[in-house]
Amino acid sequence: MGRHDNDRLQGTLDLLVLKVLASRGRMHGYGITLQIQQISREELRVEEGSLYPALHRMAQDSLISAEWGTTENKRRARYYEITPAGLERLKQEEENWARLTSAVARFLQYA
C-alpha cells in the first residue's frame, strides 16, 4: 500500500479498530491487523507504527481495555477489548462516517 493509502487510513483507524473489537471481541494487536486486512479484502493494511500508538491512546481514553494474556502459540501478548465508552464512540464515528461518505458521494455525482 502506498503512502497516500496510509494517509487515507489514518483518519479512520480508530473507527476500524473499534468496529473489529465490537464485532469480534477480545483480540491482540496482530489479530486486529489481520481482521482489518481480511475484512477489507487486503485493501487496508495497518502498520504496527500506527496501530500500537492508536491502541495505547484509545486505552488511555478508556475506549478500550488492555490486559496481558497468552496467545494460541503460547506467546505473551496484550489483549484489547472495547468498553462501553468505546461502543458509544463507535456509534458516533459510524454516524460521522456515514455523513462524510454521503457528502463525498453527492459531491462526486454533481461536480
C-alpha atoms as a PDB file:
ATOM      1  CA  MET A   1       0.000   0.000   0.000  1.00  0.00           C
ATOM      2  CA  GLY A   2       1.395   3.393  -0.965  1.00  0.00           C
ATOM      3  CA  ARG A   3       1.913   6.458   1.177  1.00  0.00           C
ATOM      4  CA  HIS A   4      -1.380   8.024   0.114  1.00  0.00           C
ATOM      5  CA  ASP A   5      -3.271   4.887   1.130  1.00  0.00           C
ATOM      6  CA  ASN A   6      -1.727   5.105   4.603  1.00  0.00           C
ATOM      7  CA  ASP A   7      -2.735   8.778   4.842  1.00  0.00           C
ATOM      8  CA  ARG A   8      -6.296   7.896   3.917  1.00  0.00           C
ATOM      9  CA  LEU A   9      -6.412   5.158   6.557  1.00  0.00           C
ATOM     10  CA  GLN A  10      -5.016   7.382   9.316  1.00  0.00           C
ATOM     11  CA  GLY A  11      -8.267   9.248   9.910  1.00  0.00           C
ATOM     12  CA  THR A  12     -10.306   6.047  10.116  1.00  0.00           C
ATOM     13  CA  LEU A  13      -8.043   3.853  12.233  1.00  0.00           C
ATOM     14  CA  ASP A  14      -9.985   4.325  15.482  1.00  0.00           C
ATOM     15  CA  LEU A  15     -13.229   3.502  13.691  1.00  0.00           C
ATOM     16  CA  LEU A  16     -11.764   0.314  12.193  1.00  0.00           C
ATOM     17  CA  VAL A  17     -10.221  -0.884  15.461  1.00  0.00           C
ATOM     18  CA  LEU A  18     -13.357  -0.195  17.499  1.00  0.00           C
ATOM     19  CA  LYS A  19     -15.518  -1.940  14.889  1.00  0.00           C
ATOM     20  CA  VAL A  20     -13.297  -5.040  14.880  1.00  0.00           C
ATOM     21  CA  LEU A  21     -13.309  -5.240  18.677  1.00  0.00           C
ATOM     22  CA  ALA A  22     -17.084  -4.687  18.852  1.00  0.00           C
ATOM     23  CA  SER A  23     -17.799  -7.424  16.330  1.00  0.00           C
ATOM     24  CA  ARG A  24     -15.037  -9.938  17.107  1.00  0.00           C
ATOM     25  CA  GLY A  25     -14.483  -9.447  20.833  1.00  0.00           C
ATOM     26  CA  ARG A  26     -11.192  -9.546  22.736  1.00  0.00           C
ATOM     27  CA  MET A  27      -8.144  -9.604  20.444  1.00  0.00           C
ATOM     28  CA  HIS A  28      -4.422  -8.905  20.403  1.00  0.00           C
ATOM     29  CA  GLY A  29      -2.943  -6.252  18.119  1.00  0.00           C
ATOM     30  CA  TYR A  30      -1.766  -8.620  15.409  1.00  0.00           C
ATOM     31  CA  GLY A  31      -5.224 -10.215  15.296  1.00  0.00           C
ATOM     32  CA  ILE A  32      -6.809  -6.784  14.870  1.00  0.00           C
ATOM     33  CA  THR A  33      -4.455  -6.082  11.962  1.00  0.00           C
ATOM     34  CA  LEU A  34      -5.323  -9.393  10.303  1.00  0.00           C
ATOM     35  CA  GLN A  35      -9.060  -8.795  10.698  1.00  0.00           C
ATOM     36  CA  ILE A  36      -8.821  -5.359   9.087  1.00  0.00           C
ATOM     37  CA  GLN A  37      -6.906  -6.856   6.159  1.00  0.00           C
ATOM     38  CA  GLN A  38      -9.270  -9.820   5.755  1.00  0.00           C
ATOM     39  CA  ILE A  39     -12.498  -7.838   6.049  1.00  0.00           C
ATOM     40  CA  SER A  40     -11.221  -5.237   3.558  1.00  0.00           C
ATOM     41  CA  ARG A  41     -10.052  -7.976   1.171  1.00  0.00           C
ATOM     42  CA  GLU A  42      -6.461  -6.759   1.565  1.00  0.00           C
ATOM     43  CA  GLU A  43      -7.341  -3.164   0.551  1.00  0.00           C
ATOM     44  CA  LEU A  44      -6.493  -1.810   4.015  1.00  0.00           C
ATOM     45  CA  ARG A  45      -3.243  -2.540   5.809  1.00  0.00           C
ATOM     46  CA  VAL A  46      -2.362  -1.185   9.215  1.00  0.00           C
ATOM     47  CA  GLU A  47       1.293  -0.733  10.068  1.00  0.00           C
ATOM     48  CA  GLU A  48       2.495  -1.523  13.596  1.00  0.00           C
ATOM     49  CA  GLY A  49       3.836   2.021  13.847  1.00  0.00           C
ATOM     50  CA  SER A  50       0.266   3.307  13.507  1.00  0.00           C
ATOM     51  CA  LEU A  51      -1.675   0.584  15.299  1.00  0.00           C
ATOM     52  CA  TYR A  52       0.079   0.359  18.655  1.00  0.00           C
ATOM     53  CA  PRO A  53       0.162   4.100  19.395  1.00  0.00           C
ATOM     54  CA  ALA A  54      -3.552   4.222  18.491  1.00  0.00           C
ATOM     55  CA  LEU A  55      -4.306   1.276  20.800  1.00  0.00           C
ATOM     56  CA  HIS A  56      -2.344   2.927  23.612  1.00  0.00           C
ATOM     57  CA  ARG A  57      -4.190   6.234  23.118  1.00  0.00           C
ATOM     58  CA  MET A  58      -7.597   4.530  22.987  1.00  0.00           C
ATOM     59  CA  ALA A  59      -6.772   2.633  26.196  1.00  0.00           C
ATOM     60  CA  GLN A  60      -5.782   5.908  27.892  1.00  0.00           C
ATOM     61  CA  ASP A  61      -9.093   7.402  26.727  1.00  0.00           C
ATOM     62  CA  SER A  62     -10.945   4.373  28.204  1.00  0.00           C
ATOM     63  CA  LEU A  63     -12.363   3.412  24.794  1.00  0.00           C
ATOM     64  CA  ILE A  64     -10.720   0.001  25.085  1.00  0.00           C
ATOM     65  CA  SER A  65      -9.261  -2.016  27.934  1.00  0.00           C
ATOM     66  CA  ALA A  66      -5.910  -3.793  27.705  1.00  0.00           C
ATOM     67  CA  GLU A  67      -4.536  -6.762  29.615  1.00  0.00           C
ATOM     68  CA  TRP A  68      -1.751  -9.265  29.163  1.00  0.00           C
ATOM     69  CA  GLY A  69      -2.583 -12.800  28.112  1.00  0.00           C
ATOM     70  CA  THR A  70      -1.207 -15.816  26.263  1.00  0.00           C
ATOM     71  CA  THR A  71      -1.784 -16.453  22.554  1.00  0.00           C
ATOM     72  CA  GLU A  72      -2.689 -19.775  20.953  1.00  0.00           C
ATOM     73  CA  ASN A  73       1.060 -20.171  20.283  1.00  0.00           C
ATOM     74  CA  LYS A  74       1.883 -19.746  23.985  1.00  0.00           C
ATOM     75  CA  ARG A  75       3.300 -16.264  23.472  1.00  0.00           C
ATOM     76  CA  ARG A  76       2.629 -13.365  25.767  1.00  0.00           C
ATOM     77  CA  ALA A  77       0.521 -10.659  24.120  1.00  0.00           C
ATOM     78  CA  ARG A  78      -1.548  -7.690  25.104  1.00  0.00           C
ATOM     79  CA  TYR A  79      -5.272  -8.240  24.503  1.00  0.00           C
ATOM     80  CA  TYR A  80      -7.720  -5.421  23.837  1.00  0.00           C
ATOM     81  CA  GLU A  81     -11.452  -5.230  24.424  1.00  0.00           C
ATOM     82  CA  ILE A  82     -13.947  -2.470  23.679  1.00  0.00           C
ATOM     83  CA  THR A  83     -15.506  -0.678  26.671  1.00  0.00           C
ATOM     84  CA  PRO A  84     -18.985   0.872  26.990  1.00  0.00           C
ATOM     85  CA  ALA A  85     -17.387   4.267  26.243  1.00  0.00           C
ATOM     86  CA  GLY A  86     -15.784   2.698  23.177  1.00  0.00           C
ATOM     87  CA  LEU A  87     -19.147   1.397  21.988  1.00  0.00           C
ATOM     88  CA  GLU A  88     -20.589   4.889  22.315  1.00  0.00           C
ATOM     89  CA  ARG A  89     -17.638   6.388  20.409  1.00  0.00           C
ATOM     90  CA  LEU A  90     -18.050   3.704  17.729  1.00  0.00           C
ATOM     91  CA  LYS A  91     -21.675   4.705  17.251  1.00  0.00           C
ATOM     92  CA  GLN A  92     -20.639   8.363  16.860  1.00  0.00           C
ATOM     93  CA  GLU A  93     -17.813   7.500  14.470  1.00  0.00           C
ATOM     94  CA  GLU A  94     -20.109   5.346  12.317  1.00  0.00           C
ATOM     95  CA  GLU A  95     -22.617   8.211  12.094  1.00  0.00           C
ATOM     96  CA  ASN A  96     -19.834  10.656  11.185  1.00  0.00           C
ATOM     97  CA  TRP A  97     -18.501   8.248   8.547  1.00  0.00           C
ATOM     98  CA  ALA A  98     -21.979   7.830   7.013  1.00  0.00           C
ATOM     99  CA  ARG A  99     -22.399  11.624   6.776  1.00  0.00           C
ATOM    100  CA  LEU A 100     -18.939  12.079   5.275  1.00  0.00           C
ATOM    101  CA  THR A 101     -19.274   9.348   2.655  1.00  0.00           C
ATOM    102  CA  SER A 102     -22.733  10.593   1.720  1.00  0.00           C
ATOM    103  CA  ALA A 103     -21.417  14.131   1.249  1.00  0.00           C
ATOM    104  CA  VAL A 104     -18.482  12.931  -0.864  1.00  0.00           C
ATOM    105  CA  ALA A 105     -20.810  10.776  -2.992  1.00  0.00           C
ATOM    106  CA  ARG A 106     -23.090  13.771  -3.588  1.00  0.00           C
ATOM    107  CA  PHE A 107     -20.111  15.909  -4.496  1.00  0.00           C
ATOM    108  CA  LEU A 108     -18.768  13.349  -6.977  1.00  0.00           C
ATOM    109  CA  GLN A 109     -22.180  12.944  -8.543  1.00  0.00           C
ATOM    110  CA  TYR A 110     -22.739  16.666  -9.161  1.00  0.00           C
ATOM    111  CA  ALA A 111     -19.265  18.160  -9.533  1.00  0.00           C
END
